[in-house]
């Protein structure tokens, strides 16, 4: 018996992952009905949310961009505005923009076996609505847009200047001629420091509790060779995508197998570029390369800011804020007019929405992840999560392609639902294998990786690409017949 639904598929989120999923769904079945629900008033996700100076990609655009839509920009490490323009052009070209429903924030998902669909509760400009969809694909990213990680510091109220978080950068902030402190040492901090110096700040001091590893890369694409110049634009893009993916995986594997040598190489690059002001304490993390994500610095701009004296690093903890600036535990006084708290993200699964299956709450942290893109025991549900050691889109596209294949198989065989179920017991492993603070703070709320395929969440695009291509439609995937009882779904 067919049950009335509003859509075959609801995609949550109109960022890179959601747009990618939409393309793969309509590529697999042009007749499929789907909608993208976007909580905000614009597409782009991260690239529309963040507006701080210098916002850019931390992966090359041949792998961060879509495999089906060539990146033609002049920069391989691209500015945020250019990325947003690329996303807008892509959704227009493939008519994906007609499927986006802006101002639609999902608050709850409820699977009902009796109706063989998900009931999706959505806050819209017209009030709360409920939509019915056979399949759900979660592409809303991994962090909270409303609540970044923001530790409180002693004496903040006494500080005479401004305190700003990069996630809420004021459009009218004039920082020219100002002394700025940036708290943090991650990708946002090392992007902000050179951007603020170029924008006219008097001096920028990066205060870091723990150093990071930095990887300088050119921000422009290499000049094509004679063979590449004869390729079509799409073929040249594919070649560059694979080349960069292989290089990224290769350097990651090298770093994990020879961490001491990798650390020496990375610190050596900093020493050569920074010059006389280089202090090894500022560039020697207490962990190995790729225990946390490397910070990409295009053209070594962060190093050059330090070399020129426009910026400096203080490696210490913060004792307190005072009217004139920050006092560190080691006794350093850093005068500041503006303090930027680049202190990190707060991980949030599915945009904070909740789930139930036939009235029983679905606890995400209790579930294993199937092929990196589905949840154990959750019918007709897919999700996009990228790599921690490479471009987000590399895995997001693999996930969207596999999900689209499973949806198509489920529909063509006349089944009501697919349900991933492991065969036998498994050892739980971390879903995101990083020692970064934002990951560790959220470890209790994330799903689990298993200890074997297809439940092992790997950080290797090359192996995953081969496995996804060879994946069958019945390996640890159960299919539920039409009008099957609730007890049958749970069995």
Protein backbone atom coordinates (compact mmCIF):
# COMPACT_ATOMS: atom_id res chain seq x y z
CA UNK A 1 0.00 0.00 0.00
CA UNK A 2 1.36 3.40 -0.99
CA UNK A 3 1.30 6.14 1.64
CA UNK A 4 1.04 9.80 0.65
CA UNK A 5 4.24 11.77 1.15
CA UNK A 6 5.28 15.32 0.36
CA UNK A 7 8.67 14.25 -1.02
CA UNK A 8 10.59 11.13 -1.85
CA UNK A 9 13.68 12.66 -0.20
CA UNK A 10 14.26 15.58 2.13
CA UNK A 11 17.83 16.91 2.21
CA UNK A 12 18.67 18.99 5.27
CA UNK A 13 21.12 21.82 4.60
CA UNK A 14 21.98 23.86 1.48
CA UNK A 15 25.74 23.95 1.90
CA UNK A 16 28.29 22.01 -0.11
CA UNK A 17 27.07 18.62 1.14
CA UNK A 18 23.40 19.34 0.50
CA UNK A 19 24.01 20.69 -3.00
CA UNK A 20 26.20 17.69 -3.79
CA UNK A 21 23.51 15.31 -2.54
CA UNK A 22 20.84 17.05 -4.60
CA UNK A 23 22.89 16.65 -7.77
CA UNK A 24 23.51 12.95 -7.12
CA UNK A 25 19.85 12.28 -6.37
CA UNK A 26 18.56 13.89 -9.56
CA UNK A 27 21.40 12.33 -11.56
CA UNK A 28 20.35 8.85 -10.36
CA UNK A 29 16.62 9.43 -10.89
CA UNK A 30 15.47 12.68 -12.54
CA UNK A 31 11.86 11.87 -11.62
CA UNK A 32 12.62 11.77 -7.89
CA UNK A 33 10.83 14.42 -5.84
CA UNK A 34 13.04 16.11 -3.27
CA UNK A 35 13.47 19.33 -1.35
CA UNK A 36 16.40 20.92 0.46
CA UNK A 37 15.41 22.44 3.81
CA UNK A 38 17.75 25.27 4.81
CA UNK A 39 17.40 26.94 8.20
CA UNK A 40 19.06 30.15 7.10
CA UNK A 41 18.01 32.66 4.44
CA UNK A 42 20.83 31.90 2.05
CA UNK A 43 22.65 28.88 0.71
CA UNK A 44 26.31 28.10 1.27
CA UNK A 45 26.47 27.00 4.89
CA UNK A 46 29.93 27.79 6.25
CA UNK A 47 30.72 30.06 3.32
CA UNK A 48 27.72 32.27 3.95
CA UNK A 49 27.92 32.17 7.76
CA UNK A 50 31.52 33.23 8.28
CA UNK A 51 32.34 36.83 7.32
CA UNK A 52 35.60 37.47 9.14
CA UNK A 53 38.56 39.00 7.23
CA UNK A 54 40.44 36.53 5.05
CA UNK A 55 37.85 33.74 5.22
CA UNK A 56 39.02 31.08 2.76
CA UNK A 57 39.08 27.37 2.11
CA UNK A 58 41.44 25.14 4.07
CA UNK A 59 41.47 22.58 1.25
CA UNK A 60 42.22 23.03 -2.43
CA UNK A 61 39.18 23.75 -4.56
CA UNK A 62 39.74 20.78 -6.87
CA UNK A 63 38.83 18.51 -3.95
CA UNK A 64 36.59 20.90 -1.99
CA UNK A 65 34.64 21.72 -5.15
CA UNK A 66 32.22 19.34 -6.83
CA UNK A 67 33.59 16.57 -9.07
CA UNK A 68 30.81 17.25 -11.57
CA UNK A 69 31.34 21.04 -11.78
CA UNK A 70 34.91 22.16 -12.60
CA UNK A 71 36.50 24.85 -10.47
CA UNK A 72 37.73 27.57 -12.83
CA UNK A 73 38.85 30.18 -10.31
CA UNK A 74 42.40 31.47 -10.33
CA UNK A 75 43.08 30.37 -6.77
CA UNK A 76 43.34 26.79 -5.62
CA UNK A 77 42.99 27.95 -1.99
CA UNK A 78 39.99 30.18 -2.60
CA UNK A 79 38.43 33.14 -0.82
CA UNK A 80 35.07 32.63 0.85
CA UNK A 81 33.25 35.02 -1.48
CA UNK A 82 34.50 33.14 -4.55
CA UNK A 83 33.41 29.82 -3.07
CA UNK A 84 29.93 31.21 -2.41
CA UNK A 85 29.70 32.48 -6.00
CA UNK A 86 30.70 29.01 -7.24
CA UNK A 87 27.97 27.38 -5.14
CA UNK A 88 25.33 29.82 -6.37
CA UNK A 89 26.34 29.26 -9.99
CA UNK A 90 26.20 25.49 -9.51
CA UNK A 91 22.69 25.39 -8.01
CA UNK A 92 21.45 27.66 -10.79
CA UNK A 93 23.06 25.60 -13.57
CA UNK A 94 21.50 22.34 -12.37
CA UNK A 95 18.16 23.88 -11.24
CA UNK A 96 18.87 22.83 -7.68
CA UNK A 97 17.96 26.32 -6.48
CA UNK A 98 14.32 25.57 -7.33
CA UNK A 99 14.31 22.81 -4.69
CA UNK A 100 15.66 24.88 -1.76
CA UNK A 101 13.24 26.00 0.98
CA UNK A 102 14.90 28.78 2.95
CA UNK A 103 13.98 29.61 6.55
CA UNK A 104 13.05 25.96 7.18
CA UNK A 105 14.70 24.70 10.37
CA UNK A 106 14.12 21.06 11.22
CA UNK A 107 13.56 20.36 14.92
CA UNK A 108 12.49 16.69 14.97
CA UNK A 109 12.46 13.57 12.81
CA UNK A 110 9.98 10.79 13.56
CA UNK A 111 9.96 7.52 11.63
CA UNK A 112 6.55 5.90 11.50
CA UNK A 113 6.45 2.32 10.29
CA UNK A 114 2.67 2.50 9.91
CA UNK A 115 3.10 5.25 7.31
CA UNK A 116 6.44 4.02 5.94
CA UNK A 117 7.96 7.48 6.08
CA UNK A 118 9.62 10.14 8.20
CA UNK A 119 7.50 12.88 9.75
CA UNK A 120 9.71 15.97 9.76
CA UNK A 121 8.82 18.82 12.10
CA UNK A 122 9.97 22.14 10.65
CA UNK A 123 9.92 25.74 11.85
CA UNK A 124 9.11 27.92 8.83
CA UNK A 125 8.33 31.62 8.26
CA UNK A 126 4.64 30.58 8.26
CA UNK A 127 4.93 28.67 11.53
CA UNK A 128 5.56 25.04 12.46
CA UNK A 129 4.82 22.44 9.79
CA UNK A 130 5.13 18.71 9.42
CA UNK A 131 6.39 17.24 6.16
CA UNK A 132 6.37 13.59 5.12
CA UNK A 133 9.27 12.08 3.28
CA UNK A 134 10.28 8.49 2.56
CA UNK A 135 14.00 9.22 2.85
CA UNK A 136 16.10 11.74 4.77
CA UNK A 137 19.63 12.92 4.01
CA UNK A 138 21.37 14.98 6.69
CA UNK A 139 23.76 17.50 5.14
CA UNK A 140 23.67 20.22 7.77
CA UNK A 141 27.34 20.05 8.74
CA UNK A 142 28.82 19.16 12.08
CA UNK A 143 28.85 22.30 14.20
CA UNK A 144 26.41 24.71 15.78
CA UNK A 145 25.85 27.96 13.91
CA UNK A 146 24.30 29.62 16.95
CA UNK A 147 26.67 28.49 19.73
CA UNK A 148 30.41 28.41 19.03
CA UNK A 149 32.84 27.25 21.70
CA UNK A 150 33.56 30.27 23.83
CA UNK A 151 35.34 29.81 27.18
CA UNK A 152 34.90 32.54 29.76
CA UNK A 153 38.05 34.34 30.94
CA UNK A 154 38.59 36.00 34.27
CA UNK A 155 38.19 39.77 34.14
CA UNK A 156 36.53 40.02 30.73
CA UNK A 157 34.13 42.68 31.98
CA UNK A 158 37.04 44.91 32.94
CA UNK A 159 38.52 44.96 29.42
CA UNK A 160 38.19 48.43 27.87
CA UNK A 161 38.15 47.21 24.26
CA UNK A 162 35.95 44.93 22.14
CA UNK A 163 35.74 41.14 22.38
CA UNK A 164 34.63 39.43 19.16
CA UNK A 165 34.05 35.84 18.13
CA UNK A 166 34.84 35.13 14.44
CA UNK A 167 31.51 33.35 13.99
CA UNK A 168 29.74 36.67 14.66
CA UNK A 169 32.07 39.17 13.01
CA UNK A 170 30.57 42.70 12.94
CA UNK A 171 30.17 44.09 9.43
CA UNK A 172 31.09 47.59 10.56
CA UNK A 173 34.20 46.78 12.61
CA UNK A 174 37.04 49.23 11.88
CA UNK A 175 40.28 47.69 13.14
CA UNK A 176 42.72 49.92 11.24
CA UNK A 177 45.49 51.15 13.50
CA UNK A 178 44.30 48.91 16.34
CA UNK A 179 46.24 46.43 18.47
CA UNK A 180 44.56 43.06 18.16
CA UNK A 181 44.91 39.84 20.12
CA UNK A 182 43.70 36.63 18.48
CA UNK A 183 43.18 33.80 20.98
CA UNK A 184 43.68 30.40 19.36
CA UNK A 185 46.02 28.56 17.02
CA UNK A 186 43.72 26.77 14.61
CA UNK A 187 42.67 27.42 11.03
CA UNK A 188 40.59 30.50 11.89
CA UNK A 189 43.37 32.14 13.91
CA UNK A 190 46.07 31.62 11.29
CA UNK A 191 43.71 32.97 8.62
CA UNK A 192 42.84 36.05 10.65
CA UNK A 193 46.36 37.07 11.66
CA UNK A 194 47.75 37.87 8.17
CA UNK A 195 44.38 39.20 6.97
CA UNK A 196 44.20 41.69 9.84
CA UNK A 197 47.76 42.86 9.25
CA UNK A 198 47.00 43.38 5.55
CA UNK A 199 43.86 45.27 6.55
CA UNK A 200 45.81 47.86 8.51
CA UNK A 201 45.95 46.61 12.10
CA UNK A 202 48.81 48.17 14.04
CA UNK A 203 49.91 44.79 15.38
CA UNK A 204 48.34 41.36 15.79
CA UNK A 205 49.36 38.97 18.59
CA UNK A 206 48.28 35.35 18.44
CA UNK A 207 47.97 33.93 21.96
CA UNK A 208 48.05 30.15 21.88
CA UNK A 209 47.85 27.67 24.68
CA UNK A 210 49.09 24.89 22.37
CA UNK A 211 50.98 25.28 19.06
CA UNK A 212 49.71 23.77 15.82
CA UNK A 213 51.43 22.30 12.80
CA UNK A 214 51.37 24.58 9.76
CA UNK A 215 51.57 23.53 6.12
CA UNK A 216 52.37 26.32 3.62
CA UNK A 217 50.90 25.70 0.15
CA UNK A 218 50.62 27.88 -2.97
CA UNK A 219 47.17 29.39 -3.35
CA UNK A 220 47.27 29.21 -7.15
CA UNK A 221 46.86 26.11 -9.26
CA UNK A 222 49.96 24.74 -11.00
CA UNK A 223 50.34 25.69 -14.67
CA UNK A 224 48.91 22.86 -16.80
CA UNK A 225 51.41 20.82 -18.78
CA UNK A 226 51.10 20.21 -22.53
CA UNK A 227 48.98 17.08 -22.03
CA UNK A 228 46.61 18.74 -19.54
CA UNK A 229 46.11 21.67 -21.91
CA UNK A 230 44.62 19.29 -24.48
CA UNK A 231 42.06 17.91 -22.04
CA UNK A 232 38.50 19.14 -21.69
CA UNK A 233 37.76 21.38 -18.74
CA UNK A 234 35.91 18.56 -16.96
CA UNK A 235 38.68 16.03 -17.59
CA UNK A 236 41.39 18.45 -16.46
CA UNK A 237 39.40 19.12 -13.29
CA UNK A 238 39.10 15.39 -12.60
CA UNK A 239 42.82 14.86 -13.12
CA UNK A 240 43.65 17.71 -10.72
CA UNK A 241 41.15 16.36 -8.18
CA UNK A 242 42.70 12.90 -8.18
CA UNK A 243 46.24 14.26 -8.15
CA UNK A 244 45.53 16.41 -5.10
CA UNK A 245 43.62 13.65 -3.34
CA UNK A 246 46.50 11.22 -3.83
CA UNK A 247 49.01 13.79 -2.59
CA UNK A 248 46.92 14.51 0.50
CA UNK A 249 46.49 10.85 1.38
CA UNK A 250 50.18 10.26 0.71
CA UNK A 251 51.34 13.01 3.04
CA UNK A 252 48.91 11.88 5.73
CA UNK A 253 50.19 8.29 5.54
CA UNK A 254 53.80 9.51 5.59
CA UNK A 255 53.06 11.66 8.66
CA UNK A 256 51.48 8.77 10.55
CA UNK A 257 54.26 6.34 9.68
CA UNK A 258 57.19 8.75 10.23
CA UNK A 259 55.81 11.38 12.62
CA UNK A 260 59.22 12.53 13.80
CA UNK A 261 60.41 13.25 10.27
CA UNK A 262 57.12 14.91 9.33
CA UNK A 263 57.30 17.14 12.41
CA UNK A 264 60.87 18.12 11.55
CA UNK A 265 59.88 18.99 7.97
CA UNK A 266 56.91 21.11 9.04
CA UNK A 267 58.86 22.98 11.70
CA UNK A 268 61.74 23.43 9.28
CA UNK A 269 59.47 25.19 6.80
CA UNK A 270 58.39 27.59 9.56
CA UNK A 271 61.98 28.20 10.69
CA UNK A 272 63.19 29.05 7.18
CA UNK A 273 60.35 31.47 6.46
CA UNK A 274 59.87 33.18 9.83
CA UNK A 275 63.59 33.83 10.21
CA UNK A 276 65.14 35.52 13.24
CA UNK A 277 61.93 35.76 15.26
CA UNK A 278 61.37 32.01 15.07
CA UNK A 279 61.06 30.31 18.47
CA UNK A 280 60.78 26.52 18.42
CA UNK A 281 58.42 26.59 21.41
CA UNK A 282 55.83 28.38 19.28
CA UNK A 283 55.90 25.72 16.55
CA UNK A 284 56.33 22.44 18.43
CA UNK A 285 52.97 20.91 19.41
CA UNK A 286 52.85 18.29 22.19
CA UNK A 287 51.35 15.82 19.71
CA UNK A 288 52.25 14.24 16.37
CA UNK A 289 51.24 15.59 12.94
CA UNK A 290 47.62 14.75 12.14
CA UNK A 291 46.68 13.96 15.73
CA UNK A 292 44.98 17.27 15.03
CA UNK A 293 44.25 18.71 11.61
CA UNK A 294 47.11 20.63 9.98
CA UNK A 295 46.60 24.34 9.38
CA UNK A 296 47.02 25.27 5.72
CA UNK A 297 48.62 28.68 5.16
CA UNK A 298 48.44 29.85 1.52
CA UNK A 299 51.78 31.12 0.26
CA UNK A 300 53.07 31.02 3.82
CA UNK A 301 51.23 34.31 4.56
CA UNK A 302 51.07 33.68 8.31
CA UNK A 303 54.84 33.09 8.44
CA UNK A 304 55.52 36.24 6.43
CA UNK A 305 53.44 38.35 8.85
CA UNK A 306 55.62 37.09 11.68
CA UNK A 307 58.83 37.72 9.73
CA UNK A 308 57.86 41.32 8.93
CA UNK A 309 57.04 42.02 12.55
CA UNK A 310 53.39 42.84 11.84
CA UNK A 311 52.40 39.90 14.02
CA UNK A 312 53.79 37.86 16.87
CA UNK A 313 53.05 34.70 18.85
CA UNK A 314 52.77 34.26 22.60
CA UNK A 315 52.60 30.63 23.74
CA UNK A 316 51.07 30.70 27.21
CA UNK A 317 47.77 30.42 29.06
CA UNK A 318 45.61 33.43 29.91
CA UNK A 319 45.54 34.43 33.55
CA UNK A 320 43.05 37.26 33.18
CA UNK A 321 41.78 40.19 31.18
CA UNK A 322 42.51 43.68 32.45
CA UNK A 323 41.44 47.08 31.12
CA UNK A 324 44.52 47.41 28.94
CA UNK A 325 44.55 43.88 27.53
CA UNK A 326 45.55 40.34 28.50
CA UNK A 327 47.88 39.09 31.23
CA UNK A 328 49.25 35.60 30.74
CA UNK A 329 50.10 33.06 33.40
CA UNK A 330 53.80 33.50 32.56
CA UNK A 331 53.63 37.23 33.28
CA UNK A 332 53.41 38.63 29.75
CA UNK A 333 51.29 41.75 29.33
CA UNK A 334 49.67 42.10 25.90
CA UNK A 335 48.01 45.44 25.26
CA UNK A 336 44.98 45.27 23.02
CA UNK A 337 42.13 47.34 21.61
CA UNK A 338 40.33 44.27 20.21
CA UNK A 339 40.40 40.64 21.33
CA UNK A 340 39.23 37.96 18.90
CA UNK A 341 38.28 34.65 20.52
CA UNK A 342 39.09 32.14 17.77
CA UNK A 343 38.51 29.41 20.33
CA UNK A 344 36.73 26.85 18.20
CA UNK A 345 33.46 25.22 17.28
CA UNK A 346 30.75 23.35 19.12
CA UNK A 347 29.91 20.08 17.40
CA UNK A 348 26.19 19.59 16.84
CA UNK A 349 24.70 16.63 15.00
CA UNK A 350 21.86 17.28 12.54
CA UNK A 351 21.57 20.92 13.53
CA UNK A 352 20.37 19.97 17.00
CA UNK A 353 17.28 18.11 15.78
CA UNK A 354 16.00 15.09 17.70
CA UNK A 355 14.91 11.69 16.41
CA UNK A 356 12.54 8.89 17.26
CA UNK A 357 11.66 5.59 15.60
CA UNK A 358 8.07 4.56 16.21
CA UNK A 359 7.97 6.67 19.36
CA UNK A 360 11.26 5.44 20.82
CA UNK A 361 14.00 8.06 21.08
CA UNK A 362 16.95 7.47 18.77
CA UNK A 363 20.20 8.18 20.64
CA UNK A 364 22.79 8.96 17.99
CA UNK A 365 25.73 8.20 20.29
CA UNK A 366 24.50 4.61 20.73
CA UNK A 367 24.65 3.82 17.03
CA UNK A 368 27.37 2.63 14.68
CA UNK A 369 27.89 4.31 11.32
CA UNK A 370 27.47 2.27 8.15
CA UNK A 371 29.82 3.09 5.24
CA UNK A 372 30.38 6.51 6.78
CA UNK A 373 26.93 7.69 5.73
CA UNK A 374 24.10 5.78 7.46
CA UNK A 375 23.13 4.92 11.03
CA UNK A 376 22.70 1.46 12.51
CA UNK A 377 19.01 0.60 12.84
CA UNK A 378 17.78 3.89 11.34
CA UNK A 379 15.51 3.31 8.32
CA UNK A 380 15.89 5.38 5.15
CA UNK A 381 18.38 7.78 6.73
CA UNK A 382 21.64 9.05 5.24
CA UNK A 383 24.20 11.57 6.45
CA UNK A 384 27.18 13.50 5.11
CA UNK A 385 30.38 13.69 7.14
CA UNK A 386 33.70 14.64 5.59
CA UNK A 387 37.26 13.65 6.28
CA UNK A 388 39.40 15.05 9.07
CA UNK A 389 42.59 14.67 7.02
CA UNK A 390 41.38 15.84 3.60
CA UNK A 391 38.70 17.84 1.86
CA UNK A 392 35.19 17.52 3.28
CA UNK A 393 33.68 17.07 -0.17
CA UNK A 394 35.70 13.98 -1.04
CA UNK A 395 33.76 11.84 1.41
CA UNK A 396 30.54 13.85 1.12
CA UNK A 397 30.36 12.97 -2.57
CA UNK A 398 31.08 9.28 -1.95
CA UNK A 399 28.30 9.28 0.65
CA UNK A 400 25.79 11.03 -1.59
CA UNK A 401 26.48 8.66 -4.48
CA UNK A 402 26.05 5.56 -2.32
CA UNK A 403 22.92 6.91 -0.62
CA UNK A 404 21.39 7.70 -4.02
CA UNK A 405 22.09 4.16 -5.21
CA UNK A 406 20.47 2.64 -2.13
CA UNK A 407 17.42 4.90 -2.44
CA UNK A 408 17.06 3.92 -6.08
CA UNK A 409 17.42 0.21 -5.26
CA UNK A 410 14.85 0.46 -2.44
CA UNK A 411 12.33 2.14 -4.71
CA UNK A 412 12.89 -0.10 -7.74
CA UNK A 413 12.51 -3.29 -5.66
CA UNK A 414 9.28 -2.02 -4.11
CA UNK A 415 10.54 -2.05 -0.54
CA UNK A 416 9.40 0.30 2.21
CA UNK A 417 12.77 0.90 3.81
CA UNK A 418 16.44 0.00 4.06
CA UNK A 419 17.92 -0.55 7.51
CA UNK A 420 21.67 -0.96 8.16
CA UNK A 421 22.29 -3.79 10.66
CA UNK A 422 25.71 -5.17 11.68
CA UNK A 423 26.36 -8.88 11.61
CA UNK A 424 27.88 -9.86 14.95
CA UNK A 425 29.38 -7.79 17.75
CA UNK A 426 31.81 -4.97 17.06
CA UNK A 427 34.39 -2.99 19.01
CA UNK A 428 33.54 0.71 19.12
CA UNK A 429 36.10 3.16 17.76
CA UNK A 430 36.04 6.97 17.56
CA UNK A 431 33.89 8.38 14.80
CA UNK A 432 36.25 11.34 14.29
CA UNK A 433 39.79 10.25 15.04
CA UNK A 434 41.21 13.59 16.12
CA UNK A 435 42.62 14.88 19.40
CA UNK A 436 41.29 18.38 18.69
CA UNK A 437 39.42 20.03 21.54
CA UNK A 438 36.14 20.43 19.64
CA UNK A 439 36.11 16.70 18.85
CA UNK A 440 36.99 15.62 22.38
CA UNK A 441 34.32 17.89 23.90
CA UNK A 442 31.68 16.20 21.72
CA UNK A 443 32.90 12.61 22.00
CA UNK A 444 29.88 11.56 24.06
CA UNK A 445 27.34 12.82 21.52
CA UNK A 446 28.76 11.40 18.29
CA UNK A 447 27.95 8.04 16.70
CA UNK A 448 30.53 5.25 16.69
CA UNK A 449 32.81 3.69 14.15
CA UNK A 450 33.03 -0.09 14.07
CA UNK A 451 36.18 -2.18 13.82
CA UNK A 452 35.61 -3.64 10.36
CA UNK A 453 34.11 -2.80 6.99
CA UNK A 454 31.50 -1.69 6.16
CA UNK A 455 31.23 -0.15 9.64
CA UNK A 456 34.79 1.15 9.92
CA UNK A 457 34.96 4.93 9.41
CA UNK A 458 38.31 5.33 7.67
CA UNK A 459 40.29 8.44 6.85
CA UNK A 460 41.46 7.25 3.45
CA UNK A 461 39.71 8.53 0.36
CA UNK A 462 41.46 6.16 -2.03
CA UNK A 463 40.36 3.04 -0.15
CA UNK A 464 36.86 4.41 0.43
CA UNK A 465 36.42 5.29 -3.24
CA UNK A 466 37.23 1.71 -4.26
CA UNK A 467 35.01 0.21 -1.54
CA UNK A 468 32.00 2.41 -2.34
CA UNK A 469 32.28 1.63 -6.03
CA UNK A 470 32.30 -2.12 -5.32
CA UNK A 471 29.65 -2.00 -2.59
CA UNK A 472 26.64 -4.23 -3.05
CA UNK A 473 23.13 -3.29 -2.02
CA UNK A 474 22.77 -6.11 0.54
CA UNK A 475 25.99 -6.09 2.58
CA UNK A 476 24.65 -5.57 6.13
CA UNK A 477 21.63 -3.78 4.65
CA UNK A 478 18.19 -5.19 5.40
CA UNK A 479 15.12 -4.22 3.36
CA UNK A 480 11.67 -3.93 4.89
CA UNK A 481 8.70 -5.00 2.81
CA UNK A 482 5.65 -2.80 2.33
CA UNK A 483 3.12 -2.85 5.18
CA UNK A 484 5.53 -4.73 7.44
CA UNK A 485 4.67 -4.50 11.13
CA UNK A 486 6.46 -2.32 13.64
CA UNK A 487 7.84 -5.44 15.30
CA UNK A 488 9.32 -6.48 11.96
CA UNK A 489 11.25 -3.23 11.68
CA UNK A 490 12.71 -3.67 15.15
CA UNK A 491 13.69 -7.30 14.66
